[in-house]
Amino acid sequence: MKSIILACTVLLVPVALLAHHAYSAEFDTTKPVKLSGVLTKLEWSNPHIWIYLDVKDEKGNVTNWGFSASPPGMLQRRGITKGNLKLGETLTISGHRAKDGSNNASGNGNVVTFADGRDALIGQDQALNPTEVK
């Protein structure tokens, strides 16, 4: 029995270590983005929620962007619930672009601005300061 427990531990520890990632491993802090768009999808689950926006460029082309944010529990403690984020509403989110060049960014350490002008911190406490993109 001890051999089985030891074998499981040896096999599962590397998986647990890879389960969480460093912010700088996925997102490029030298490439800030600030995007406004229509909320099309919300994945409200651990370890981080994902917010998806349809963003129109200056030519009218629409691109879907995904923003990683804090875990649900952390957001709820800040007063942000799944019900606060309504599909079809316009949001503005600042963050950092994914290193792989995809249309993913992180809202960690940054603010979401609702259509009515309210701001809310959606990033984690240890993340970088809010991104300012002019």
N, C-alpha and C. Protein backbone atom coordinates (compact mmCIF):
# COMPACT_ATOMS: atom_id res chain seq x y z
N MET A 1 0.82 -1.19 0.00
CA MET A 1 0.00 0.00 0.00
C MET A 1 0.87 1.26 0.00
N LYS A 2 1.95 1.23 0.80
CA LYS A 2 2.85 2.38 0.85
C LYS A 2 3.48 2.63 -0.52
N SER A 3 3.78 1.58 -1.24
CA SER A 3 4.39 1.71 -2.56
C SER A 3 3.43 2.38 -3.54
N ILE A 4 2.16 2.04 -3.44
CA ILE A 4 1.15 2.64 -4.32
C ILE A 4 0.99 4.13 -4.02
N ILE A 5 0.94 4.48 -2.74
CA ILE A 5 0.81 5.88 -2.34
C ILE A 5 2.05 6.66 -2.79
N LEU A 6 3.22 6.10 -2.61
CA LEU A 6 4.45 6.76 -3.02
C LEU A 6 4.47 6.96 -4.55
N ALA A 7 4.08 5.94 -5.28
CA ALA A 7 4.06 6.03 -6.74
C ALA A 7 3.09 7.11 -7.21
N CYS A 8 1.91 7.16 -6.62
CA CYS A 8 0.91 8.19 -6.98
C CYS A 8 1.44 9.58 -6.67
N THR A 9 2.07 9.72 -5.52
CA THR A 9 2.62 11.03 -5.13
C THR A 9 3.70 11.47 -6.11
N VAL A 10 4.60 10.57 -6.46
CA VAL A 10 5.68 10.90 -7.38
C VAL A 10 5.12 11.29 -8.75
N LEU A 11 4.07 10.64 -9.18
CA LEU A 11 3.48 10.92 -10.48
C LEU A 11 2.63 12.19 -10.49
N LEU A 12 1.98 12.51 -9.39
CA LEU A 12 1.06 13.64 -9.36
C LEU A 12 1.70 14.97 -8.97
N VAL A 13 2.79 14.97 -8.26
CA VAL A 13 3.44 16.22 -7.85
C VAL A 13 3.84 17.07 -9.05
N PRO A 14 4.47 16.51 -10.09
CA PRO A 14 4.82 17.36 -11.25
C PRO A 14 3.59 17.97 -11.92
N VAL A 15 2.49 17.24 -11.95
CA VAL A 15 1.26 17.76 -12.54
C VAL A 15 0.76 18.95 -11.74
N ALA A 16 0.79 18.83 -10.43
CA ALA A 16 0.34 19.93 -9.57
C ALA A 16 1.23 21.16 -9.72
N LEU A 17 2.51 20.95 -9.88
CA LEU A 17 3.43 22.07 -10.05
C LEU A 17 3.19 22.80 -11.36
N LEU A 18 2.78 22.08 -12.40
CA LEU A 18 2.52 22.70 -13.69
C LEU A 18 1.11 23.28 -13.79
N ALA A 19 0.26 22.99 -12.85
CA ALA A 19 -1.13 23.40 -12.93
C ALA A 19 -1.30 24.91 -12.90
N HIS A 20 -0.47 25.61 -12.19
CA HIS A 20 -0.57 27.06 -12.16
C HIS A 20 0.64 27.65 -12.85
N HIS A 21 0.48 28.81 -13.39
CA HIS A 21 1.51 29.41 -14.22
C HIS A 21 1.85 30.81 -13.71
N ALA A 22 3.02 31.26 -14.09
CA ALA A 22 3.43 32.62 -13.76
C ALA A 22 2.81 33.58 -14.77
N TYR A 23 2.40 34.75 -14.29
CA TYR A 23 1.81 35.77 -15.16
C TYR A 23 2.73 36.06 -16.33
N SER A 24 4.02 36.26 -16.04
CA SER A 24 4.97 36.63 -17.09
C SER A 24 5.28 35.49 -18.05
N ALA A 25 4.90 34.27 -17.70
CA ALA A 25 5.12 33.14 -18.61
C ALA A 25 4.11 33.16 -19.76
N GLU A 26 2.93 33.68 -19.50
CA GLU A 26 1.87 33.68 -20.52
C GLU A 26 1.63 35.04 -21.16
N PHE A 27 1.85 36.12 -20.41
CA PHE A 27 1.48 37.44 -20.89
C PHE A 27 2.69 38.36 -20.97
N ASP A 28 2.72 39.19 -22.01
CA ASP A 28 3.84 40.09 -22.27
C ASP A 28 3.55 41.46 -21.66
N THR A 29 4.23 41.77 -20.58
CA THR A 29 3.96 43.03 -19.87
C THR A 29 4.42 44.25 -20.65
N THR A 30 5.14 44.05 -21.75
CA THR A 30 5.53 45.17 -22.60
C THR A 30 4.51 45.45 -23.70
N LYS A 31 3.44 44.64 -23.74
CA LYS A 31 2.41 44.81 -24.77
C LYS A 31 1.03 45.00 -24.13
N PRO A 32 0.80 46.18 -23.57
CA PRO A 32 -0.50 46.43 -22.95
C PRO A 32 -1.59 46.62 -24.01
N VAL A 33 -2.80 46.22 -23.66
CA VAL A 33 -3.96 46.43 -24.52
C VAL A 33 -5.09 47.00 -23.67
N LYS A 34 -5.93 47.78 -24.30
CA LYS A 34 -7.14 48.29 -23.66
C LYS A 34 -8.21 48.23 -24.73
N LEU A 35 -9.20 47.35 -24.52
CA LEU A 35 -10.19 47.07 -25.55
C LEU A 35 -11.60 47.23 -25.03
N SER A 36 -12.48 47.73 -25.89
CA SER A 36 -13.90 47.82 -25.59
C SER A 36 -14.63 46.91 -26.55
N GLY A 37 -15.61 46.20 -26.02
CA GLY A 37 -16.38 45.31 -26.87
C GLY A 37 -17.59 44.76 -26.16
N VAL A 38 -18.34 43.96 -26.89
CA VAL A 38 -19.57 43.37 -26.38
C VAL A 38 -19.26 42.03 -25.74
N LEU A 39 -19.75 41.82 -24.53
CA LEU A 39 -19.55 40.57 -23.81
C LEU A 39 -20.32 39.45 -24.51
N THR A 40 -19.57 38.45 -25.01
CA THR A 40 -20.20 37.35 -25.77
C THR A 40 -20.20 36.04 -25.00
N LYS A 41 -19.29 35.89 -24.05
CA LYS A 41 -19.17 34.63 -23.33
C LYS A 41 -18.50 34.88 -21.99
N LEU A 42 -18.91 34.12 -20.98
CA LEU A 42 -18.32 34.22 -19.66
C LEU A 42 -18.10 32.81 -19.13
N GLU A 43 -16.87 32.48 -18.79
CA GLU A 43 -16.56 31.19 -18.17
C GLU A 43 -16.26 31.46 -16.71
N TRP A 44 -17.23 31.17 -15.85
CA TRP A 44 -17.14 31.47 -14.42
C TRP A 44 -16.71 30.21 -13.69
N SER A 45 -15.40 29.95 -13.68
CA SER A 45 -14.90 28.74 -13.02
C SER A 45 -13.46 28.95 -12.58
N ASN A 46 -13.01 28.09 -11.67
CA ASN A 46 -11.64 28.13 -11.20
C ASN A 46 -10.72 27.52 -12.24
N PRO A 47 -9.46 27.87 -12.33
CA PRO A 47 -8.76 28.73 -11.40
C PRO A 47 -8.92 30.22 -11.71
N HIS A 48 -9.36 30.58 -12.92
CA HIS A 48 -9.57 31.98 -13.30
C HIS A 48 -10.81 32.05 -14.17
N ILE A 49 -11.59 33.12 -14.03
CA ILE A 49 -12.70 33.28 -14.96
C ILE A 49 -12.14 33.80 -16.29
N TRP A 50 -12.88 33.60 -17.35
CA TRP A 50 -12.53 34.13 -18.67
C TRP A 50 -13.69 34.96 -19.16
N ILE A 51 -13.38 36.15 -19.65
CA ILE A 51 -14.36 37.08 -20.20
C ILE A 51 -14.04 37.24 -21.69
N TYR A 52 -15.03 37.03 -22.54
CA TYR A 52 -14.81 37.14 -23.99
C TYR A 52 -15.59 38.32 -24.55
N LEU A 53 -14.88 39.16 -25.29
CA LEU A 53 -15.48 40.35 -25.89
C LEU A 53 -15.34 40.31 -27.41
N ASP A 54 -16.40 40.71 -28.12
CA ASP A 54 -16.31 40.97 -29.55
C ASP A 54 -15.90 42.42 -29.70
N VAL A 55 -14.71 42.63 -30.27
CA VAL A 55 -14.12 43.96 -30.40
C VAL A 55 -14.09 44.35 -31.87
N LYS A 56 -14.64 45.53 -32.20
CA LYS A 56 -14.60 46.05 -33.57
C LYS A 56 -13.37 46.93 -33.74
N ASP A 57 -12.67 46.73 -34.87
CA ASP A 57 -11.55 47.61 -35.17
C ASP A 57 -12.05 48.83 -35.95
N GLU A 58 -11.13 49.70 -36.34
CA GLU A 58 -11.52 50.94 -37.03
C GLU A 58 -12.16 50.68 -38.39
N LYS A 59 -11.98 49.49 -38.96
CA LYS A 59 -12.60 49.14 -40.24
C LYS A 59 -13.93 48.42 -40.07
N GLY A 60 -14.32 48.16 -38.82
CA GLY A 60 -15.57 47.47 -38.56
C GLY A 60 -15.45 45.95 -38.46
N ASN A 61 -14.22 45.44 -38.60
CA ASN A 61 -14.01 44.00 -38.46
C ASN A 61 -14.10 43.61 -36.99
N VAL A 62 -14.76 42.49 -36.70
CA VAL A 62 -14.96 42.03 -35.32
C VAL A 62 -14.01 40.88 -35.02
N THR A 63 -13.31 41.00 -33.88
CA THR A 63 -12.42 39.96 -33.39
C THR A 63 -12.82 39.62 -31.97
N ASN A 64 -12.88 38.34 -31.65
CA ASN A 64 -13.21 37.92 -30.30
C ASN A 64 -11.93 37.83 -29.48
N TRP A 65 -11.91 38.50 -28.32
CA TRP A 65 -10.78 38.52 -27.40
C TRP A 65 -11.18 37.83 -26.11
N GLY A 66 -10.26 37.07 -25.53
CA GLY A 66 -10.48 36.44 -24.24
C GLY A 66 -9.60 37.07 -23.19
N PHE A 67 -10.17 37.40 -22.03
CA PHE A 67 -9.43 37.98 -20.92
C PHE A 67 -9.49 37.05 -19.72
N SER A 68 -8.33 36.69 -19.22
CA SER A 68 -8.23 35.91 -18.00
C SER A 68 -8.34 36.89 -16.83
N ALA A 69 -9.10 36.53 -15.82
CA ALA A 69 -9.25 37.40 -14.65
C ALA A 69 -9.08 36.57 -13.37
N SER A 70 -9.42 37.14 -12.26
CA SER A 70 -9.27 36.49 -10.96
C SER A 70 -10.20 35.29 -10.82
N PRO A 71 -9.96 34.46 -9.80
CA PRO A 71 -10.86 33.35 -9.51
C PRO A 71 -12.23 33.87 -9.06
N PRO A 72 -13.28 33.07 -9.24
CA PRO A 72 -14.63 33.50 -8.86
C PRO A 72 -14.75 33.95 -7.40
N GLY A 73 -14.14 33.22 -6.48
CA GLY A 73 -14.24 33.58 -5.06
C GLY A 73 -13.66 34.95 -4.76
N MET A 74 -12.53 35.26 -5.38
CA MET A 74 -11.89 36.55 -5.17
C MET A 74 -12.77 37.68 -5.71
N LEU A 75 -13.35 37.45 -6.89
CA LEU A 75 -14.23 38.47 -7.48
C LEU A 75 -15.48 38.67 -6.63
N GLN A 76 -16.05 37.58 -6.13
CA GLN A 76 -17.24 37.70 -5.29
C GLN A 76 -16.96 38.48 -4.02
N ARG A 77 -15.78 38.31 -3.45
CA ARG A 77 -15.42 39.08 -2.25
C ARG A 77 -15.30 40.56 -2.57
N ARG A 78 -15.05 40.90 -3.82
CA ARG A 78 -14.99 42.30 -4.26
C ARG A 78 -16.34 42.81 -4.72
N GLY A 79 -17.37 41.97 -4.64
CA GLY A 79 -18.70 42.40 -5.03
C GLY A 79 -19.04 42.15 -6.49
N ILE A 80 -18.18 41.43 -7.21
CA ILE A 80 -18.46 41.11 -8.61
C ILE A 80 -18.98 39.68 -8.68
N THR A 81 -20.19 39.53 -9.17
CA THR A 81 -20.78 38.20 -9.30
C THR A 81 -21.01 37.90 -10.78
N LYS A 82 -21.32 36.66 -11.03
CA LYS A 82 -21.60 36.24 -12.40
C LYS A 82 -22.76 37.08 -12.97
N GLY A 83 -23.69 37.44 -12.12
CA GLY A 83 -24.84 38.25 -12.54
C GLY A 83 -24.49 39.69 -12.90
N ASN A 84 -23.35 40.19 -12.42
CA ASN A 84 -22.91 41.55 -12.76
C ASN A 84 -22.44 41.65 -14.21
N LEU A 85 -22.02 40.53 -14.78
CA LEU A 85 -21.48 40.51 -16.12
C LEU A 85 -22.54 39.91 -17.05
N LYS A 86 -23.20 40.78 -17.79
CA LYS A 86 -24.34 40.36 -18.61
C LYS A 86 -23.96 40.26 -20.08
N LEU A 87 -24.27 39.12 -20.68
CA LEU A 87 -24.02 38.96 -22.11
C LEU A 87 -24.69 40.08 -22.87
N GLY A 88 -23.99 40.61 -23.86
CA GLY A 88 -24.54 41.69 -24.68
C GLY A 88 -24.16 43.08 -24.21
N GLU A 89 -23.65 43.22 -22.98
CA GLU A 89 -23.27 44.55 -22.51
C GLU A 89 -21.88 44.91 -23.01
N THR A 90 -21.61 46.20 -23.09
CA THR A 90 -20.30 46.68 -23.54
C THR A 90 -19.40 46.89 -22.33
N LEU A 91 -18.19 46.33 -22.42
CA LEU A 91 -17.19 46.45 -21.37
C LEU A 91 -15.90 46.98 -21.97
N THR A 92 -15.09 47.62 -21.14
CA THR A 92 -13.74 48.00 -21.52
C THR A 92 -12.80 47.34 -20.52
N ILE A 93 -11.81 46.62 -21.04
CA ILE A 93 -10.86 45.92 -20.17
C ILE A 93 -9.45 46.23 -20.64
N SER A 94 -8.58 46.52 -19.67
CA SER A 94 -7.16 46.69 -19.99
C SER A 94 -6.41 45.46 -19.50
N GLY A 95 -5.32 45.17 -20.17
CA GLY A 95 -4.54 44.00 -19.78
C GLY A 95 -3.24 43.92 -20.55
N HIS A 96 -2.68 42.76 -20.61
CA HIS A 96 -1.44 42.52 -21.35
C HIS A 96 -1.68 41.39 -22.35
N ARG A 97 -1.15 41.56 -23.53
CA ARG A 97 -1.34 40.62 -24.63
C ARG A 97 -0.63 39.29 -24.34
N ALA A 98 -1.21 38.21 -24.83
CA ALA A 98 -0.60 36.89 -24.69
C ALA A 98 0.72 36.84 -25.46
N LYS A 99 1.69 36.16 -24.90
CA LYS A 99 3.00 36.04 -25.55
C LYS A 99 2.92 35.28 -26.86
N ASP A 100 1.93 34.39 -26.99
CA ASP A 100 1.84 33.60 -28.22
C ASP A 100 1.19 34.37 -29.37
N GLY A 101 0.82 35.64 -29.14
CA GLY A 101 0.25 36.47 -30.20
C GLY A 101 -1.23 36.23 -30.45
N SER A 102 -1.84 35.35 -29.68
CA SER A 102 -3.27 35.07 -29.86
C SER A 102 -4.10 36.26 -29.38
N ASN A 103 -5.38 36.21 -29.62
CA ASN A 103 -6.28 37.26 -29.14
C ASN A 103 -6.71 36.99 -27.71
N ASN A 104 -5.77 36.58 -26.91
CA ASN A 104 -5.99 36.41 -25.49
C ASN A 104 -5.15 37.46 -24.77
N ALA A 105 -5.70 37.91 -23.67
CA ALA A 105 -4.98 38.87 -22.84
C ALA A 105 -5.35 38.57 -21.41
N SER A 106 -4.68 39.21 -20.51
CA SER A 106 -5.00 39.03 -19.11
C SER A 106 -5.50 40.33 -18.52
N GLY A 107 -6.60 40.24 -17.83
CA GLY A 107 -7.12 41.39 -17.11
C GLY A 107 -6.56 41.43 -15.71
N ASN A 108 -5.63 40.52 -15.40
CA ASN A 108 -5.07 40.46 -14.05
C ASN A 108 -4.41 41.77 -13.67
N GLY A 109 -4.77 42.28 -12.51
CA GLY A 109 -4.21 43.52 -12.03
C GLY A 109 -4.84 44.73 -12.68
N ASN A 110 -5.88 44.51 -13.46
CA ASN A 110 -6.47 45.58 -14.23
C ASN A 110 -7.95 45.75 -13.91
N VAL A 111 -8.53 46.70 -14.59
CA VAL A 111 -9.88 47.13 -14.28
C VAL A 111 -10.81 46.88 -15.46
N VAL A 112 -12.02 46.46 -15.15
CA VAL A 112 -13.08 46.40 -16.15
C VAL A 112 -13.95 47.63 -15.92
N THR A 113 -14.31 48.30 -17.00
CA THR A 113 -15.21 49.45 -16.92
C THR A 113 -16.52 49.05 -17.58
N PHE A 114 -17.60 49.19 -16.83
CA PHE A 114 -18.92 48.85 -17.33
C PHE A 114 -19.47 50.01 -18.16
N ALA A 115 -20.52 49.73 -18.95
CA ALA A 115 -21.11 50.74 -19.83
C ALA A 115 -21.59 51.97 -19.06
N ASP A 116 -22.01 51.78 -17.80
CA ASP A 116 -22.50 52.91 -17.00
C ASP A 116 -21.38 53.70 -16.32
N GLY A 117 -20.11 53.32 -16.61
CA GLY A 117 -18.97 54.06 -16.06
C GLY A 117 -18.37 53.48 -14.80
N ARG A 118 -19.03 52.48 -14.19
CA ARG A 118 -18.48 51.86 -12.98
C ARG A 118 -17.22 51.09 -13.32
N ASP A 119 -16.23 51.16 -12.43
CA ASP A 119 -15.00 50.39 -12.57
C ASP A 119 -14.95 49.32 -11.50
N ALA A 120 -14.30 48.20 -11.84
CA ALA A 120 -14.10 47.13 -10.85
C ALA A 120 -12.77 46.45 -11.14
N LEU A 121 -12.02 46.17 -10.07
CA LEU A 121 -10.76 45.46 -10.20
C LEU A 121 -11.06 43.99 -10.48
N ILE A 122 -10.53 43.47 -11.58
CA ILE A 122 -10.75 42.05 -11.91
C ILE A 122 -9.48 41.23 -11.80
N GLY A 123 -8.36 41.89 -11.48
CA GLY A 123 -7.08 41.19 -11.40
C GLY A 123 -6.79 40.69 -10.01
N GLN A 124 -5.74 39.90 -9.93
CA GLN A 124 -5.30 39.37 -8.65
C GLN A 124 -4.42 40.37 -7.94
N ASP A 125 -4.38 40.27 -6.62
CA ASP A 125 -3.62 41.22 -5.81
C ASP A 125 -2.14 41.25 -6.14
N GLN A 126 -1.56 40.09 -6.48
CA GLN A 126 -0.13 40.05 -6.73
C GLN A 126 0.24 40.42 -8.16
N ALA A 127 -0.75 40.67 -9.00
CA ALA A 127 -0.46 41.00 -10.40
C ALA A 127 0.03 42.45 -10.52
N LEU A 128 0.40 42.79 -11.70
CA LEU A 128 0.93 44.11 -11.98
C LEU A 128 -0.10 45.20 -11.81
N ASN A 129 0.35 46.44 -11.73
CA ASN A 129 -0.55 47.58 -11.63
C ASN A 129 -1.40 47.69 -12.88
N PRO A 130 -2.53 48.36 -12.79
CA PRO A 130 -3.39 48.51 -13.97
C PRO A 130 -2.64 49.08 -15.17
N THR A 131 -3.01 48.59 -16.31
CA THR A 131 -2.39 48.99 -17.57
C THR A 131 -3.01 50.29 -18.02
N GLU A 132 -2.18 51.21 -18.41
CA GLU A 132 -2.67 52.47 -18.96
C GLU A 132 -2.26 52.53 -20.42
N VAL A 133 -3.24 52.42 -21.29
CA VAL A 133 -2.99 52.50 -22.72
C VAL A 133 -3.73 53.72 -23.22
N LYS A 134 -3.05 54.60 -23.87
CA LYS A 134 -3.67 55.83 -24.39
C LYS A 134 -4.16 55.60 -25.79
